[in-house]
Amino acid sequence: MKHIHDYIESHQRRFARGEHGHRGHGRGGRGNRPLGTGDLRLVLLRLIAEQPRHGYEIIRAIEEKTGGAYSPSPGVIYPTLTMLAELGHVVVSETEGGRKLHSITAEGEAALAAGKTAVEEAFRRVESLGEARDDSDAPPIIRAMENLKLALRLRLERGKLTPSEIAAIAAALDAAAVAIEQS
């Protein structure tokens, strides 16, 4: 399943940059990601230190900081959040709907303080992604498409849909398609 997330993440970045050709989709390493695992951990910790967040909110926050140029996949974010919990840097509590809220711990604050320079550099890199992207390919539309795919994927992963939920989702998608076609 990891290779699917890598593939999706690679396409998200390429579309956000306006690269629509089919180049190699290398796996592993940092070649396809703007942040290495250590940098990503620090970015997540800083975002959680700003306010407790759910995984989806973290993905959105990174997406916003990059101006839609980078949207990390759940396959990258959720294992990193699990690692942060295992390290004792965040504590996880369940909220309504079974969503997990991540809050920073004293150990997480200490890790952020110890890695202050690395955190600042990682955030500069994240924010520079938005500055470097090509604005000619309507990034807000591409970002919105990726958000829709992510929302659908997350909803489907939560469990079986009822017939009324299926009908409601299909109706919302059909309405969006009609609105787009008429614009």
N, C-alpha and C. Protein backbone atom coordinates (compact mmCIF):
# COMPACT_ATOMS: atom_id res chain seq x y z
N MET A 1 0.83 -1.19 0.00
CA MET A 1 0.00 0.00 0.00
C MET A 1 0.87 1.25 0.00
N LYS A 2 2.06 1.19 0.59
CA LYS A 2 2.93 2.36 0.66
C LYS A 2 3.24 2.89 -0.73
N HIS A 3 3.46 1.99 -1.70
CA HIS A 3 3.80 2.48 -3.04
C HIS A 3 2.66 3.29 -3.66
N ILE A 4 1.42 2.99 -3.32
CA ILE A 4 0.29 3.76 -3.82
C ILE A 4 0.36 5.19 -3.27
N HIS A 5 0.62 5.31 -1.95
CA HIS A 5 0.73 6.64 -1.34
C HIS A 5 1.89 7.43 -1.94
N ASP A 6 3.02 6.77 -2.19
CA ASP A 6 4.16 7.45 -2.81
C ASP A 6 3.77 7.95 -4.21
N TYR A 7 3.05 7.11 -4.95
CA TYR A 7 2.63 7.48 -6.30
C TYR A 7 1.70 8.69 -6.26
N ILE A 8 0.72 8.66 -5.36
CA ILE A 8 -0.23 9.76 -5.24
C ILE A 8 0.51 11.03 -4.84
N GLU A 9 1.39 10.92 -3.84
CA GLU A 9 2.12 12.10 -3.38
C GLU A 9 2.99 12.67 -4.50
N SER A 10 3.61 11.81 -5.28
CA SER A 10 4.43 12.28 -6.39
C SER A 10 3.58 13.06 -7.39
N HIS A 11 2.40 12.54 -7.71
CA HIS A 11 1.52 13.23 -8.65
C HIS A 11 1.02 14.55 -8.09
N GLN A 12 0.72 14.59 -6.78
CA GLN A 12 0.25 15.83 -6.17
C GLN A 12 1.29 16.93 -6.36
N ARG A 13 2.54 16.63 -6.08
CA ARG A 13 3.59 17.63 -6.22
C ARG A 13 3.79 18.02 -7.67
N ARG A 14 3.79 17.05 -8.58
CA ARG A 14 4.03 17.35 -9.99
C ARG A 14 2.91 18.21 -10.56
N PHE A 15 1.65 17.90 -10.22
CA PHE A 15 0.55 18.71 -10.71
C PHE A 15 0.60 20.10 -10.13
N ALA A 16 0.95 20.21 -8.84
CA ALA A 16 1.03 21.53 -8.22
C ALA A 16 2.11 22.38 -8.87
N ARG A 17 3.15 21.76 -9.39
CA ARG A 17 4.23 22.50 -10.05
C ARG A 17 3.98 22.62 -11.54
N GLY A 18 2.91 22.00 -12.04
CA GLY A 18 2.61 22.10 -13.46
C GLY A 18 3.37 21.09 -14.30
N GLU A 19 3.89 20.04 -13.69
CA GLU A 19 4.64 19.01 -14.42
C GLU A 19 3.69 17.86 -14.70
N HIS A 20 3.20 17.77 -15.91
CA HIS A 20 2.19 16.75 -16.21
C HIS A 20 2.74 15.55 -16.97
N GLY A 21 4.01 15.57 -17.28
CA GLY A 21 4.62 14.44 -17.99
C GLY A 21 4.81 13.27 -17.05
N HIS A 22 5.22 12.15 -17.58
CA HIS A 22 5.43 10.96 -16.77
C HIS A 22 6.92 10.72 -16.58
N ARG A 23 7.45 11.32 -15.56
CA ARG A 23 8.84 11.06 -15.21
C ARG A 23 8.88 9.91 -14.24
N GLY A 24 10.08 9.55 -13.85
CA GLY A 24 10.23 8.43 -12.91
C GLY A 24 9.55 8.72 -11.58
N HIS A 25 9.08 7.69 -10.94
CA HIS A 25 8.43 7.80 -9.65
C HIS A 25 9.26 7.04 -8.63
N GLY A 26 10.44 7.50 -8.35
CA GLY A 26 11.32 6.79 -7.43
C GLY A 26 10.66 6.55 -6.09
N ARG A 27 10.98 5.46 -5.45
CA ARG A 27 10.41 5.12 -4.16
C ARG A 27 11.46 5.32 -3.09
N GLY A 28 10.97 5.66 -1.91
CA GLY A 28 11.86 5.77 -0.77
C GLY A 28 12.73 7.00 -0.85
N GLY A 29 13.55 7.18 0.18
CA GLY A 29 14.47 8.30 0.21
C GLY A 29 13.73 9.62 0.20
N ARG A 30 14.50 10.69 0.02
CA ARG A 30 13.90 12.00 0.04
C ARG A 30 13.72 12.55 -1.36
N GLY A 31 14.10 11.80 -2.37
CA GLY A 31 14.08 12.29 -3.73
C GLY A 31 12.74 12.85 -4.16
N ASN A 32 11.63 12.25 -3.76
CA ASN A 32 10.31 12.71 -4.18
C ASN A 32 9.63 13.58 -3.14
N ARG A 33 10.26 13.80 -2.00
CA ARG A 33 9.62 14.56 -0.93
C ARG A 33 10.44 15.80 -0.63
N PRO A 34 9.76 16.91 -0.39
CA PRO A 34 10.49 18.13 -0.05
C PRO A 34 11.06 18.09 1.36
N LEU A 35 10.57 17.19 2.21
CA LEU A 35 11.05 17.09 3.57
C LEU A 35 11.47 15.66 3.85
N GLY A 36 12.62 15.51 4.48
CA GLY A 36 13.04 14.20 4.95
C GLY A 36 12.23 13.84 6.18
N THR A 37 12.34 12.61 6.66
CA THR A 37 11.56 12.15 7.81
C THR A 37 11.83 12.99 9.04
N GLY A 38 13.09 13.32 9.31
CA GLY A 38 13.41 14.13 10.48
C GLY A 38 12.82 15.52 10.38
N ASP A 39 12.90 16.11 9.19
CA ASP A 39 12.30 17.44 8.97
C ASP A 39 10.79 17.38 9.13
N LEU A 40 10.18 16.35 8.58
CA LEU A 40 8.73 16.22 8.66
C LEU A 40 8.30 16.10 10.11
N ARG A 41 9.04 15.32 10.91
CA ARG A 41 8.71 15.20 12.33
C ARG A 41 8.71 16.56 13.01
N LEU A 42 9.73 17.37 12.71
CA LEU A 42 9.83 18.69 13.32
C LEU A 42 8.72 19.62 12.85
N VAL A 43 8.38 19.55 11.58
CA VAL A 43 7.29 20.38 11.06
C VAL A 43 5.98 19.98 11.73
N LEU A 44 5.72 18.69 11.85
CA LEU A 44 4.50 18.23 12.51
C LEU A 44 4.47 18.67 13.96
N LEU A 45 5.60 18.53 14.65
CA LEU A 45 5.66 18.95 16.05
C LEU A 45 5.35 20.44 16.19
N ARG A 46 5.93 21.24 15.32
CA ARG A 46 5.69 22.68 15.41
C ARG A 46 4.22 23.01 15.14
N LEU A 47 3.63 22.37 14.16
CA LEU A 47 2.21 22.61 13.88
C LEU A 47 1.33 22.18 15.05
N ILE A 48 1.68 21.07 15.67
CA ILE A 48 0.91 20.59 16.82
C ILE A 48 1.16 21.49 18.03
N ALA A 49 2.38 22.05 18.15
CA ALA A 49 2.66 22.98 19.25
C ALA A 49 1.83 24.25 19.11
N GLU A 50 1.57 24.67 17.86
CA GLU A 50 0.73 25.85 17.63
C GLU A 50 -0.68 25.62 18.14
N GLN A 51 -1.19 24.40 17.91
CA GLN A 51 -2.51 24.01 18.41
C GLN A 51 -2.67 22.51 18.19
N PRO A 52 -3.39 21.82 19.09
CA PRO A 52 -3.64 20.40 18.86
C PRO A 52 -4.36 20.21 17.53
N ARG A 53 -3.99 19.15 16.81
CA ARG A 53 -4.55 18.95 15.47
C ARG A 53 -4.81 17.47 15.20
N HIS A 54 -5.77 17.27 14.27
CA HIS A 54 -6.02 15.95 13.70
C HIS A 54 -5.08 15.79 12.51
N GLY A 55 -4.85 14.57 12.07
CA GLY A 55 -3.98 14.32 10.93
C GLY A 55 -4.38 15.09 9.70
N TYR A 56 -5.67 15.10 9.40
CA TYR A 56 -6.15 15.81 8.21
C TYR A 56 -5.87 17.30 8.33
N GLU A 57 -6.02 17.86 9.53
CA GLU A 57 -5.73 19.28 9.74
C GLU A 57 -4.25 19.59 9.52
N ILE A 58 -3.41 18.65 9.85
CA ILE A 58 -1.96 18.83 9.63
C ILE A 58 -1.67 18.84 8.13
N ILE A 59 -2.28 17.93 7.41
CA ILE A 59 -2.11 17.89 5.96
C ILE A 59 -2.54 19.22 5.35
N ARG A 60 -3.69 19.71 5.78
CA ARG A 60 -4.20 20.99 5.27
C ARG A 60 -3.29 22.16 5.64
N ALA A 61 -2.75 22.15 6.87
CA ALA A 61 -1.87 23.24 7.30
C ALA A 61 -0.60 23.28 6.45
N ILE A 62 -0.04 22.11 6.15
CA ILE A 62 1.16 22.06 5.30
C ILE A 62 0.81 22.53 3.89
N GLU A 63 -0.33 22.08 3.41
CA GLU A 63 -0.79 22.49 2.09
C GLU A 63 -0.96 24.01 2.02
N GLU A 64 -1.52 24.59 3.06
CA GLU A 64 -1.70 26.05 3.09
C GLU A 64 -0.37 26.78 3.14
N LYS A 65 0.57 26.27 3.94
CA LYS A 65 1.88 26.92 4.07
C LYS A 65 2.66 26.87 2.76
N THR A 66 2.36 25.89 1.92
CA THR A 66 3.05 25.79 0.63
C THR A 66 2.23 26.38 -0.50
N GLY A 67 1.13 27.01 -0.17
CA GLY A 67 0.28 27.60 -1.21
C GLY A 67 -0.28 26.55 -2.15
N GLY A 68 -0.47 25.34 -1.66
CA GLY A 68 -1.00 24.26 -2.48
C GLY A 68 0.06 23.51 -3.28
N ALA A 69 1.32 23.89 -3.13
CA ALA A 69 2.39 23.26 -3.91
C ALA A 69 2.75 21.87 -3.39
N TYR A 70 2.44 21.59 -2.14
CA TYR A 70 2.76 20.28 -1.56
C TYR A 70 1.66 19.87 -0.61
N SER A 71 1.16 18.69 -0.79
CA SER A 71 0.16 18.12 0.09
C SER A 71 0.62 16.73 0.47
N PRO A 72 1.18 16.57 1.68
CA PRO A 72 1.67 15.25 2.05
C PRO A 72 0.54 14.24 2.14
N SER A 73 0.83 13.03 1.77
CA SER A 73 -0.21 11.99 1.78
C SER A 73 -0.43 11.47 3.19
N PRO A 74 -1.61 10.90 3.43
CA PRO A 74 -1.86 10.27 4.72
C PRO A 74 -0.83 9.17 5.00
N GLY A 75 -0.34 8.52 3.95
CA GLY A 75 0.66 7.46 4.11
C GLY A 75 1.99 7.96 4.61
N VAL A 76 2.20 9.27 4.58
CA VAL A 76 3.41 9.87 5.12
C VAL A 76 3.11 10.47 6.49
N ILE A 77 1.98 11.15 6.62
CA ILE A 77 1.65 11.86 7.85
C ILE A 77 1.32 10.92 9.01
N TYR A 78 0.43 9.96 8.79
CA TYR A 78 -0.03 9.14 9.91
C TYR A 78 1.07 8.27 10.53
N PRO A 79 1.94 7.65 9.75
CA PRO A 79 3.04 6.91 10.40
C PRO A 79 3.98 7.85 11.19
N THR A 80 4.16 9.06 10.70
CA THR A 80 5.01 10.01 11.42
C THR A 80 4.34 10.42 12.73
N LEU A 81 3.03 10.61 12.71
CA LEU A 81 2.31 10.92 13.94
C LEU A 81 2.40 9.77 14.94
N THR A 82 2.31 8.55 14.44
CA THR A 82 2.46 7.38 15.31
C THR A 82 3.85 7.36 15.93
N MET A 83 4.86 7.66 15.13
CA MET A 83 6.23 7.70 15.63
C MET A 83 6.37 8.76 16.71
N LEU A 84 5.78 9.94 16.48
CA LEU A 84 5.86 11.01 17.48
C LEU A 84 5.20 10.60 18.79
N ALA A 85 4.10 9.86 18.70
CA ALA A 85 3.43 9.37 19.91
C ALA A 85 4.30 8.34 20.62
N GLU A 86 4.91 7.44 19.84
CA GLU A 86 5.77 6.43 20.43
C GLU A 86 7.01 7.03 21.09
N LEU A 87 7.50 8.16 20.55
CA LEU A 87 8.63 8.85 21.14
C LEU A 87 8.23 9.66 22.38
N GLY A 88 6.92 9.80 22.60
CA GLY A 88 6.44 10.58 23.73
C GLY A 88 6.40 12.07 23.44
N HIS A 89 6.50 12.45 22.16
CA HIS A 89 6.49 13.87 21.79
C HIS A 89 5.08 14.42 21.63
N VAL A 90 4.12 13.53 21.37
CA VAL A 90 2.71 13.94 21.31
C VAL A 90 1.89 12.93 22.08
N VAL A 91 0.75 13.40 22.53
CA VAL A 91 -0.22 12.52 23.16
C VAL A 91 -1.46 12.55 22.27
N VAL A 92 -2.11 11.40 22.14
CA VAL A 92 -3.25 11.27 21.25
C VAL A 92 -4.51 11.04 22.07
N SER A 93 -5.55 11.79 21.74
CA SER A 93 -6.84 11.58 22.37
C SER A 93 -7.89 11.45 21.26
N GLU A 94 -8.88 10.62 21.50
CA GLU A 94 -9.93 10.43 20.49
C GLU A 94 -11.02 11.47 20.69
N THR A 95 -11.51 11.98 19.57
CA THR A 95 -12.62 12.94 19.61
C THR A 95 -13.81 12.29 18.93
N GLU A 96 -14.90 13.03 18.83
CA GLU A 96 -16.10 12.48 18.21
C GLU A 96 -15.80 11.99 16.81
N GLY A 97 -16.42 10.93 16.42
CA GLY A 97 -16.18 10.35 15.11
C GLY A 97 -14.93 9.49 15.07
N GLY A 98 -14.29 9.27 16.22
CA GLY A 98 -13.11 8.41 16.26
C GLY A 98 -11.85 9.07 15.74
N ARG A 99 -11.90 10.37 15.48
CA ARG A 99 -10.71 11.06 14.99
C ARG A 99 -9.73 11.24 16.14
N LYS A 100 -8.45 11.22 15.81
CA LYS A 100 -7.41 11.33 16.83
C LYS A 100 -6.84 12.74 16.85
N LEU A 101 -6.88 13.35 18.02
CA LEU A 101 -6.35 14.69 18.22
C LEU A 101 -4.96 14.57 18.83
N HIS A 102 -3.98 15.22 18.21
CA HIS A 102 -2.59 15.15 18.66
C HIS A 102 -2.23 16.44 19.37
N SER A 103 -1.69 16.31 20.59
CA SER A 103 -1.25 17.45 21.39
C SER A 103 0.20 17.23 21.77
N ILE A 104 0.96 18.31 21.83
CA ILE A 104 2.39 18.20 22.13
C ILE A 104 2.59 17.96 23.63
N THR A 105 3.63 17.23 23.96
CA THR A 105 3.99 16.95 25.35
C THR A 105 5.22 17.79 25.72
N ALA A 106 5.60 17.71 26.99
CA ALA A 106 6.82 18.40 27.43
C ALA A 106 8.03 17.87 26.67
N GLU A 107 8.06 16.55 26.41
CA GLU A 107 9.17 15.97 25.65
C GLU A 107 9.19 16.51 24.23
N GLY A 108 8.00 16.71 23.64
CA GLY A 108 7.90 17.27 22.31
C GLY A 108 8.37 18.71 22.27
N GLU A 109 8.01 19.48 23.30
CA GLU A 109 8.47 20.86 23.40
C GLU A 109 10.00 20.90 23.50
N ALA A 110 10.56 19.99 24.27
CA ALA A 110 12.02 19.93 24.42
C ALA A 110 12.69 19.55 23.10
N ALA A 111 12.09 18.64 22.36
CA ALA A 111 12.64 18.24 21.05
C ALA A 111 12.59 19.42 20.09
N LEU A 112 11.50 20.19 20.12
CA LEU A 112 11.39 21.38 19.27
C LEU A 112 12.47 22.40 19.64
N ALA A 113 12.67 22.61 20.93
CA ALA A 113 13.67 23.58 21.38
C ALA A 113 15.07 23.12 20.98
N ALA A 114 15.33 21.83 21.11
CA ALA A 114 16.66 21.30 20.76
C ALA A 114 16.91 21.39 19.26
N GLY A 115 15.86 21.27 18.47
CA GLY A 115 16.01 21.31 17.02
C GLY A 115 15.56 22.62 16.42
N LYS A 116 15.64 23.72 17.19
CA LYS A 116 15.10 25.01 16.75
C LYS A 116 15.63 25.43 15.38
N THR A 117 16.91 25.31 15.15
CA THR A 117 17.49 25.72 13.87
C THR A 117 16.97 24.83 12.74
N ALA A 118 16.91 23.53 12.98
CA ALA A 118 16.40 22.59 11.97
C ALA A 118 14.93 22.85 11.69
N VAL A 119 14.15 23.18 12.73
CA VAL A 119 12.73 23.47 12.56
C VAL A 119 12.56 24.70 11.67
N GLU A 120 13.32 25.75 11.97
CA GLU A 120 13.22 26.97 11.18
C GLU A 120 13.61 26.73 9.73
N GLU A 121 14.65 25.94 9.50
CA GLU A 121 15.09 25.63 8.14
C GLU A 121 14.02 24.81 7.41
N ALA A 122 13.44 23.83 8.09
CA ALA A 122 12.39 23.00 7.48
C ALA A 122 11.19 23.86 7.11
N PHE A 123 10.81 24.79 7.98
CA PHE A 123 9.68 25.67 7.67
C PHE A 123 10.01 26.61 6.53
N ARG A 124 11.24 27.08 6.46
CA ARG A 124 11.63 27.93 5.32
C ARG A 124 11.48 27.14 4.02
N ARG A 125 11.90 25.87 4.04
CA ARG A 125 11.78 25.03 2.84
C ARG A 125 10.32 24.82 2.48
N VAL A 126 9.49 24.53 3.48
CA VAL A 126 8.06 24.30 3.23
C VAL A 126 7.43 25.55 2.63
N GLU A 127 7.69 26.69 3.23
CA GLU A 127 7.08 27.93 2.74
C GLU A 127 7.63 28.34 1.39
N SER A 128 8.88 27.99 1.10
CA SER A 128 9.45 28.35 -0.20
C SER A 128 8.84 27.54 -1.34
N LEU A 129 8.27 26.40 -1.03
CA LEU A 129 7.60 25.61 -2.07
C LEU A 129 6.47 26.41 -2.70
N GLY A 130 5.72 27.12 -1.88
CA GLY A 130 4.63 27.93 -2.39
C GLY A 130 5.13 29.09 -3.23
N GLU A 131 6.27 29.67 -2.84
CA GLU A 131 6.84 30.78 -3.59
C GLU A 131 7.40 30.34 -4.93
N ALA A 132 7.90 29.09 -4.99
CA ALA A 132 8.59 28.61 -6.18
C ALA A 132 7.67 28.03 -7.24
N ARG A 133 6.43 27.74 -6.88
CA ARG A 133 5.56 27.05 -7.83
C ARG A 133 5.13 27.97 -8.97
N ASP A 134 4.74 27.36 -10.05
CA ASP A 134 4.29 28.09 -11.23
C ASP A 134 2.80 28.37 -11.07
N ASP A 135 2.40 29.63 -11.03
CA ASP A 135 1.01 30.00 -10.81
C ASP A 135 0.13 29.86 -12.05
N SER A 136 0.70 29.49 -13.17
CA SER A 136 -0.07 29.47 -14.41
C SER A 136 -1.01 28.28 -14.53
N ASP A 137 -0.87 27.28 -13.71
CA ASP A 137 -1.68 26.08 -13.85
C ASP A 137 -2.82 25.98 -12.83
N ALA A 138 -3.30 27.11 -12.36
CA ALA A 138 -4.45 27.17 -11.45
C ALA A 138 -4.26 26.28 -10.22
N PRO A 139 -3.21 26.49 -9.42
CA PRO A 139 -2.98 25.67 -8.23
C PRO A 139 -4.16 25.59 -7.28
N PRO A 140 -4.98 26.65 -7.11
CA PRO A 140 -6.12 26.47 -6.20
C PRO A 140 -7.08 25.38 -6.66
N ILE A 141 -7.24 25.24 -7.97
CA ILE A 141 -8.12 24.19 -8.48
C ILE A 141 -7.49 22.82 -8.24
N ILE A 142 -6.21 22.71 -8.50
CA ILE A 142 -5.52 21.44 -8.30
C ILE A 142 -5.54 21.07 -6.82
N ARG A 143 -5.30 22.07 -5.94
CA ARG A 143 -5.34 21.83 -4.50
C ARG A 143 -6.72 21.33 -4.09
N ALA A 144 -7.77 21.99 -4.62
CA ALA A 144 -9.13 21.59 -4.29
C ALA A 144 -9.43 20.16 -4.76
N MET A 145 -8.93 19.80 -5.94
CA MET A 145 -9.12 18.43 -6.45
C MET A 145 -8.45 17.43 -5.51
N GLU A 146 -7.24 17.74 -5.08
CA GLU A 146 -6.52 16.85 -4.18
C GLU A 146 -7.24 16.76 -2.84
N ASN A 147 -7.79 17.88 -2.35
CA ASN A 147 -8.56 17.86 -1.11
C ASN A 147 -9.77 16.95 -1.23
N LEU A 148 -10.45 17.03 -2.38
CA LEU A 148 -11.61 16.18 -2.60
C LEU A 148 -11.22 14.71 -2.59
N LYS A 149 -10.13 14.38 -3.30
CA LYS A 149 -9.68 12.98 -3.32
C LYS A 149 -9.32 12.51 -1.91
N LEU A 150 -8.64 13.37 -1.16
CA LEU A 150 -8.25 13.01 0.19
C LEU A 150 -9.47 12.83 1.08
N ALA A 151 -10.43 13.74 0.99
CA ALA A 151 -11.64 13.64 1.81
C ALA A 151 -12.40 12.35 1.50
N LEU A 152 -12.52 12.01 0.22
CA LEU A 152 -13.20 10.77 -0.17
C LEU A 152 -12.44 9.55 0.35
N ARG A 153 -11.13 9.56 0.18
CA ARG A 153 -10.32 8.42 0.63
C ARG A 153 -10.43 8.25 2.15
N LEU A 154 -10.35 9.35 2.91
CA LEU A 154 -10.45 9.26 4.36
C LEU A 154 -11.83 8.77 4.79
N ARG A 155 -12.88 9.23 4.08
CA ARG A 155 -14.23 8.79 4.43
C ARG A 155 -14.40 7.30 4.14
N LEU A 156 -13.89 6.85 3.02
CA LEU A 156 -14.01 5.44 2.67
C LEU A 156 -13.21 4.55 3.62
N GLU A 157 -12.10 5.05 4.13
CA GLU A 157 -11.29 4.27 5.06
C GLU A 157 -11.95 4.13 6.43
N ARG A 158 -12.90 5.02 6.75
CA ARG A 158 -13.57 4.95 8.05
C ARG A 158 -14.55 3.80 8.15
N GLY A 159 -14.94 3.23 7.03
CA GLY A 159 -15.85 2.10 7.10
C GLY A 159 -16.91 2.13 6.02
N LYS A 160 -17.72 1.08 6.04
CA LYS A 160 -18.75 0.89 5.02
C LYS A 160 -19.76 2.03 5.04
N LEU A 161 -20.14 2.45 3.84
CA LEU A 161 -21.12 3.51 3.68
C LEU A 161 -22.52 2.93 3.62
N THR A 162 -23.48 3.66 4.17
CA THR A 162 -24.88 3.25 4.06
C THR A 162 -25.39 3.69 2.68
N PRO A 163 -26.48 3.12 2.22
CA PRO A 163 -27.03 3.56 0.93
C PRO A 163 -27.34 5.06 0.89
N SER A 164 -27.82 5.63 2.00
CA SER A 164 -28.12 7.07 2.00
C SER A 164 -26.83 7.89 1.96
N GLU A 165 -25.76 7.44 2.60
CA GLU A 165 -24.48 8.14 2.53
C GLU A 165 -23.91 8.09 1.12
N ILE A 166 -24.03 6.93 0.49
CA ILE A 166 -23.57 6.79 -0.90
C ILE A 166 -24.32 7.76 -1.81
N ALA A 167 -25.64 7.81 -1.64
CA ALA A 167 -26.47 8.71 -2.46
C ALA A 167 -26.10 10.17 -2.21
N ALA A 168 -25.86 10.54 -0.95
CA ALA A 168 -25.52 11.93 -0.62
C ALA A 168 -24.17 12.32 -1.21
N ILE A 169 -23.20 11.44 -1.12
CA ILE A 169 -21.87 11.73 -1.67
C ILE A 169 -21.95 11.83 -3.19
N ALA A 170 -22.64 10.89 -3.82
CA ALA A 170 -22.79 10.92 -5.28
C ALA A 170 -23.51 12.21 -5.72
N ALA A 171 -24.53 12.62 -4.99
CA ALA A 171 -25.27 13.84 -5.34
C ALA A 171 -24.37 15.07 -5.21
N ALA A 172 -23.54 15.11 -4.16
CA ALA A 172 -22.63 16.24 -3.97
C ALA A 172 -21.61 16.30 -5.11
N LEU A 173 -21.10 15.15 -5.50
CA LEU A 173 -20.13 15.11 -6.60
C LEU A 173 -20.78 15.50 -7.92
N ASP A 174 -22.00 15.00 -8.16
CA ASP A 174 -22.72 15.37 -9.39
C ASP A 174 -23.01 16.87 -9.42
N ALA A 175 -23.41 17.44 -8.29
CA ALA A 175 -23.70 18.87 -8.23
C ALA A 175 -22.43 19.69 -8.50
N ALA A 176 -21.31 19.24 -7.95
CA ALA A 176 -20.04 19.94 -8.20
C ALA A 176 -19.68 19.86 -9.68
N ALA A 177 -19.88 18.71 -10.29
CA ALA A 177 -19.57 18.55 -11.71
C ALA A 177 -20.42 19.49 -12.57
N VAL A 178 -21.70 19.59 -12.26
CA VAL A 178 -22.59 20.47 -13.02
C VAL A 178 -22.16 21.92 -12.81
N ALA A 179 -21.86 22.31 -11.59
CA ALA A 179 -21.44 23.70 -11.32
C ALA A 179 -20.15 24.03 -12.05
N ILE A 180 -19.23 23.11 -12.10
CA ILE A 180 -17.96 23.34 -12.79
C ILE A 180 -18.20 23.46 -14.29
N GLU A 181 -19.01 22.57 -14.83
CA GLU A 181 -19.29 22.60 -16.26
C GLU A 181 -19.96 23.91 -16.67
N GLN A 182 -20.80 24.46 -15.82
CA GLN A 182 -21.52 25.70 -16.13
C GLN A 182 -20.72 26.95 -15.86
N SER A 183 -19.56 26.84 -15.22
CA SER A 183 -18.77 28.05 -14.92
C SER A 183 -17.93 28.50 -16.09
